[in-house]
Amino acid sequence: MRKAISIGSVIMILAAVVIAGNDPWKAKPYQQWDEKDVRKILGDSPWSKIIQVDATWKGMTDLSADDSSQPPATNAPSPVAKMGQSPPTSANPGGAVGPGNSASQASFVLRWVSSRTLQRAAARSAELAGQLKPEDAEKQLANAPDVYEVAVMGPDMRPFQSADEDILKLSAALIDKKSKQKVSPSKVEISRTADGKKVQAVSFIFSKKAGNGEPAIPEDEKSVDFNCDINGAKIRASFDISKMQDTQGRDL
């Protein structure tokens, strides 16, 4: 009986090793990640969600027009938020998202960019591209974000086009599945094209502390929803915190 239990334990351990081996954020240090690993993290990981929504705004001329009155964002989203302005699809994690599965749908990618894993993916991508030296990457990663940050991007960002930061702050929230606590963003950062006319990405920034001083996302929380309703776009994504783990533990 003891032998059978021992064999079963070995099998379970080996299975866990195999599963972990498929996850670069657990299998090896970020300095060893290659381009394939970075693409997986950005497009097919617990920190990155690809969703399809009903594009009720399509055909609305007021949303499709360029808003030249909006200046370029001065507080643009973090580098990891802006990485891959053409977000990946679930079928092609490293490629570009099309207009959606049909004319009535649109694709969005949501990334939990304040996490160590995505911060490291951004730094490693810059290293691989020759844009960042390893020692500079180490310095950059030493300054861990003191907030939660969720970035939204997609090929059709028209619902965000005419919205300012105050409107966007009212449009989104994090909702704990267990406690039902709702956390509104304390800040929103908009990334636009060089001419300032089109929105490329929007970052929603949340305080890690609630108004009563308690953690905004409790330590025992297993899942949290990100909701955003803006100009007909109802963006919903559920993040499984139990899977948002790296070698150091919970990674938000």
Protein backbone atom coordinates (compact mmCIF):
# COMPACT_ATOMS: atom_id res chain seq x y z
CA MET A 1 0.00 0.00 0.00
CA ARG A 2 2.80 2.37 0.96
CA LYS A 3 4.59 1.54 -2.30
CA ALA A 4 1.46 2.29 -4.32
CA ILE A 5 1.10 5.67 -2.60
CA SER A 6 4.76 6.40 -3.27
CA ILE A 7 4.43 5.59 -6.96
CA GLY A 8 1.29 7.71 -7.17
CA SER A 9 3.10 10.62 -5.55
CA VAL A 10 5.95 10.36 -8.04
CA ILE A 11 3.50 10.37 -10.96
CA MET A 12 1.78 13.47 -9.57
CA ILE A 13 5.11 15.25 -9.12
CA LEU A 14 6.21 14.40 -12.65
CA ALA A 15 2.89 15.61 -14.04
CA ALA A 16 3.29 18.88 -12.15
CA VAL A 17 6.79 19.31 -13.57
CA VAL A 18 5.50 18.76 -17.11
CA ILE A 19 2.71 21.30 -16.63
CA ALA A 20 5.09 23.86 -15.13
CA GLY A 21 7.49 23.20 -17.97
CA ASN A 22 4.93 24.61 -20.38
CA ASP A 23 4.85 27.90 -18.49
CA PRO A 24 8.01 29.95 -19.08
CA TRP A 25 7.24 32.19 -16.07
CA LYS A 26 7.71 29.12 -13.83
CA ALA A 27 10.12 27.02 -15.85
CA LYS A 28 13.03 29.45 -16.25
CA PRO A 29 14.23 32.95 -15.32
CA TYR A 30 13.07 35.77 -17.58
CA GLN A 31 16.65 36.31 -18.82
CA GLN A 32 16.29 32.97 -20.64
CA TRP A 33 12.92 33.69 -22.25
CA ASP A 34 12.94 33.68 -26.05
CA GLU A 35 10.53 35.40 -28.42
CA LYS A 36 8.15 32.44 -28.29
CA ASP A 37 8.01 32.65 -24.50
CA VAL A 38 7.29 36.38 -24.61
CA ARG A 39 4.50 35.87 -27.15
CA LYS A 40 2.94 33.18 -24.97
CA ILE A 41 2.97 35.43 -21.92
CA LEU A 42 1.46 38.37 -23.79
CA GLY A 43 -1.14 36.36 -25.67
CA ASP A 44 -1.86 33.10 -23.86
CA SER A 45 -1.28 33.36 -20.13
CA PRO A 46 -3.32 34.01 -16.97
CA TRP A 47 -2.37 37.71 -17.24
CA SER A 48 -3.65 38.19 -20.80
CA LYS A 49 -7.26 37.79 -21.91
CA ILE A 50 -8.53 37.89 -25.49
CA ILE A 51 -12.24 38.58 -25.74
CA GLN A 52 -14.89 39.13 -28.40
CA VAL A 53 -17.67 41.65 -27.81
CA ASP A 54 -20.73 42.76 -29.75
CA ALA A 55 -19.64 45.79 -31.75
CA THR A 56 -22.82 47.80 -31.39
CA TRP A 57 -20.88 50.96 -32.27
CA LYS A 58 -20.01 49.88 -35.83
CA GLY A 59 -21.64 52.16 -38.34
CA MET A 60 -21.80 55.06 -35.87
CA THR A 61 -20.08 57.92 -37.68
CA ASP A 62 -19.56 59.93 -34.48
CA LEU A 63 -17.26 57.21 -33.12
CA SER A 64 -15.44 56.43 -36.35
CA ALA A 65 -14.33 60.00 -37.01
CA ASP A 66 -10.83 61.05 -35.99
CA ASP A 67 -10.85 63.29 -32.94
CA SER A 68 -8.12 65.75 -33.86
CA SER A 69 -9.00 67.91 -30.86
CA GLN A 70 -7.51 65.32 -28.53
CA PRO A 71 -3.77 65.90 -27.94
CA PRO A 72 -1.27 63.06 -27.70
CA ALA A 73 -1.29 61.46 -24.28
CA THR A 74 1.37 62.87 -21.99
CA ASN A 75 1.01 60.03 -19.49
CA ALA A 76 1.05 57.08 -21.85
CA PRO A 77 0.59 53.52 -20.57
CA SER A 78 3.63 51.61 -19.40
CA PRO A 79 5.85 49.90 -22.03
CA VAL A 80 4.28 46.53 -21.35
CA ALA A 81 0.82 47.98 -21.97
CA LYS A 82 1.91 49.35 -25.33
CA MET A 83 3.70 46.18 -26.40
CA GLY A 84 2.11 44.61 -29.43
CA GLN A 85 -0.32 47.31 -30.44
CA SER A 86 -1.75 44.67 -32.76
CA PRO A 87 -2.78 42.21 -30.03
CA PRO A 88 -2.59 38.44 -30.59
CA THR A 89 -5.54 36.16 -31.15
CA SER A 90 -6.10 32.95 -29.21
CA ALA A 91 -5.42 31.00 -32.39
CA ASN A 92 -2.29 32.98 -33.15
CA PRO A 93 -0.82 34.33 -29.89
CA GLY A 94 1.95 36.19 -31.67
CA GLY A 95 -0.03 37.58 -34.56
CA ALA A 96 -2.46 40.41 -35.15
CA VAL A 97 -6.12 40.45 -34.27
CA GLY A 98 -8.51 40.85 -37.15
CA PRO A 99 -11.69 42.88 -37.00
CA GLY A 100 -13.45 40.07 -35.13
CA ASN A 101 -15.21 36.85 -35.99
CA SER A 102 -17.89 38.76 -37.87
CA ALA A 103 -18.87 42.27 -38.85
CA SER A 104 -20.87 42.50 -35.61
CA GLN A 105 -17.98 41.67 -33.28
CA ALA A 106 -14.71 43.22 -32.21
CA SER A 107 -11.64 41.83 -30.44
CA PHE A 108 -9.91 43.25 -27.39
CA VAL A 109 -6.91 42.13 -25.38
CA LEU A 110 -6.77 42.82 -21.65
CA ARG A 111 -3.41 42.58 -19.92
CA TRP A 112 -2.65 42.76 -16.20
CA VAL A 113 0.46 44.79 -16.88
CA SER A 114 1.41 45.58 -13.28
CA SER A 115 2.37 41.94 -12.73
CA ARG A 116 6.00 40.92 -12.44
CA THR A 117 5.50 38.47 -15.28
CA LEU A 118 4.31 41.04 -17.82
CA GLN A 119 6.82 43.61 -16.64
CA ARG A 120 9.56 41.05 -17.24
CA ALA A 121 8.09 40.12 -20.62
CA ALA A 122 8.27 43.78 -21.67
CA ALA A 123 11.87 44.09 -20.54
CA ARG A 124 12.89 40.82 -22.16
CA SER A 125 11.20 41.76 -25.44
CA ALA A 126 13.15 45.03 -25.48
CA GLU A 127 16.35 43.09 -24.76
CA LEU A 128 15.73 40.67 -27.62
CA ALA A 129 15.06 43.61 -29.94
CA GLY A 130 18.33 45.24 -28.93
CA GLN A 131 16.51 48.20 -27.39
CA LEU A 132 17.50 47.55 -23.78
CA LYS A 133 20.69 46.32 -22.14
CA PRO A 134 20.38 43.51 -19.57
CA GLU A 135 21.72 45.71 -16.78
CA ASP A 136 19.20 48.43 -17.64
CA ALA A 137 16.42 45.85 -17.65
CA GLU A 138 17.40 44.83 -14.13
CA LYS A 139 17.23 48.45 -12.97
CA GLN A 140 13.87 48.95 -14.64
CA LEU A 141 12.40 45.84 -13.05
CA ALA A 142 13.69 46.77 -9.60
CA ASN A 143 10.96 49.43 -9.37
CA ALA A 144 7.87 47.28 -8.91
CA PRO A 145 4.51 49.02 -9.55
CA ASP A 146 2.68 50.00 -6.35
CA VAL A 147 -0.69 49.83 -8.12
CA TYR A 148 -2.74 47.34 -10.12
CA GLU A 149 -2.84 48.17 -13.81
CA VAL A 150 -5.04 46.60 -16.50
CA ALA A 151 -4.50 47.64 -20.13
CA VAL A 152 -7.11 47.35 -22.89
CA MET A 153 -6.15 47.39 -26.56
CA GLY A 154 -7.54 46.23 -29.89
CA PRO A 155 -7.68 46.99 -33.61
CA ASP A 156 -10.96 48.91 -33.20
CA MET A 157 -10.71 51.31 -30.26
CA ARG A 158 -13.48 53.65 -31.44
CA PRO A 159 -15.57 53.26 -28.24
CA PHE A 160 -12.66 54.89 -26.38
CA GLN A 161 -12.02 57.55 -28.99
CA SER A 162 -14.13 60.39 -27.63
CA ALA A 163 -13.88 59.51 -23.93
CA ASP A 164 -11.66 61.51 -21.61
CA GLU A 165 -9.98 60.21 -18.46
CA ASP A 166 -12.83 61.21 -16.15
CA ILE A 167 -15.40 59.34 -18.23
CA LEU A 168 -13.15 56.30 -18.48
CA LYS A 169 -12.65 56.24 -14.70
CA LEU A 170 -16.42 55.95 -14.30
CA SER A 171 -16.72 53.25 -16.96
CA ALA A 172 -14.56 50.53 -15.39
CA ALA A 173 -14.10 48.55 -12.19
CA LEU A 174 -12.47 45.51 -10.66
CA ILE A 175 -14.93 43.26 -8.84
CA ASP A 176 -13.84 40.60 -6.36
CA LYS A 177 -15.74 37.37 -6.99
CA LYS A 178 -15.83 36.36 -3.31
CA SER A 179 -16.35 39.64 -1.47
CA LYS A 180 -18.22 41.37 -4.32
CA GLN A 181 -16.13 44.43 -3.50
CA LYS A 182 -15.98 46.93 -6.36
CA VAL A 183 -12.78 48.86 -6.96
CA SER A 184 -12.89 51.87 -9.27
CA PRO A 185 -9.76 53.10 -11.08
CA SER A 186 -7.90 55.95 -9.44
CA LYS A 187 -6.33 56.95 -12.73
CA VAL A 188 -6.59 56.27 -16.45
CA GLU A 189 -3.83 56.68 -19.02
CA ILE A 190 -4.52 56.92 -22.75
CA SER A 191 -2.01 56.05 -25.46
CA ARG A 192 -2.59 57.66 -28.85
CA THR A 193 -0.94 57.57 -32.26
CA ALA A 194 1.87 60.05 -32.90
CA ASP A 195 -0.56 62.55 -34.44
CA GLY A 196 -2.79 62.34 -31.38
CA LYS A 197 -5.86 61.36 -33.36
CA LYS A 198 -6.47 57.71 -32.56
CA VAL A 199 -6.49 55.77 -29.32
CA GLN A 200 -4.17 52.77 -29.32
CA ALA A 201 -4.44 51.54 -25.73
CA VAL A 202 -6.01 52.51 -22.43
CA SER A 203 -4.58 51.64 -19.02
CA PHE A 204 -6.83 51.51 -15.96
CA ILE A 205 -4.89 51.98 -12.73
CA PHE A 206 -6.24 50.84 -9.35
CA SER A 207 -4.99 51.43 -5.83
CA LYS A 208 -3.86 48.33 -3.96
CA LYS A 209 -5.59 49.65 -0.83
CA ALA A 210 -9.31 50.20 -0.31
CA GLY A 211 -10.65 53.32 1.37
CA ASN A 212 -10.65 51.55 4.76
CA GLY A 213 -6.98 50.67 4.41
CA GLU A 214 -7.64 47.00 3.69
CA PRO A 215 -6.24 45.33 0.56
CA ALA A 216 -8.36 46.15 -2.49
CA ILE A 217 -8.02 42.50 -3.53
CA PRO A 218 -7.97 40.27 -0.43
CA GLU A 219 -5.18 37.73 -0.10
CA ASP A 220 -7.67 34.86 -0.13
CA GLU A 221 -9.46 36.09 -3.27
CA LYS A 222 -9.29 33.52 -6.07
CA SER A 223 -10.79 35.46 -8.95
CA VAL A 224 -11.50 39.03 -9.97
CA ASP A 225 -13.54 40.47 -12.84
CA PHE A 226 -12.63 43.48 -14.93
CA ASN A 227 -15.66 45.28 -16.33
CA CYS A 228 -15.75 48.26 -18.66
CA ASP A 229 -18.83 49.76 -20.35
CA ILE A 230 -17.98 52.53 -22.78
CA ASN A 231 -19.96 53.79 -25.79
CA GLY A 232 -21.62 50.45 -26.49
CA ALA A 233 -18.60 48.27 -25.78
CA LYS A 234 -19.30 45.92 -22.87
CA ILE A 235 -15.89 44.50 -22.03
CA ARG A 236 -15.87 41.67 -19.49
CA ALA A 237 -12.95 39.49 -18.44
CA SER A 238 -12.36 37.23 -15.46
CA PHE A 239 -8.82 36.83 -14.11
CA ASP A 240 -8.08 33.62 -12.20
CA ILE A 241 -5.79 34.80 -9.40
CA SER A 242 -5.05 31.23 -8.39
CA LYS A 243 -3.23 30.88 -11.72
CA MET A 244 -1.57 34.30 -11.64
CA GLN A 245 1.44 32.88 -9.85
CA ASP A 246 5.13 32.92 -10.60
CA THR A 247 8.04 31.47 -8.65
CA GLN A 248 7.62 34.23 -6.03
CA GLY A 249 3.91 33.63 -5.41
CA ARG A 250 0.82 35.71 -6.25
CA ASP A 251 1.63 38.04 -9.10
CA LEU A 252 -0.71 40.97 -9.64
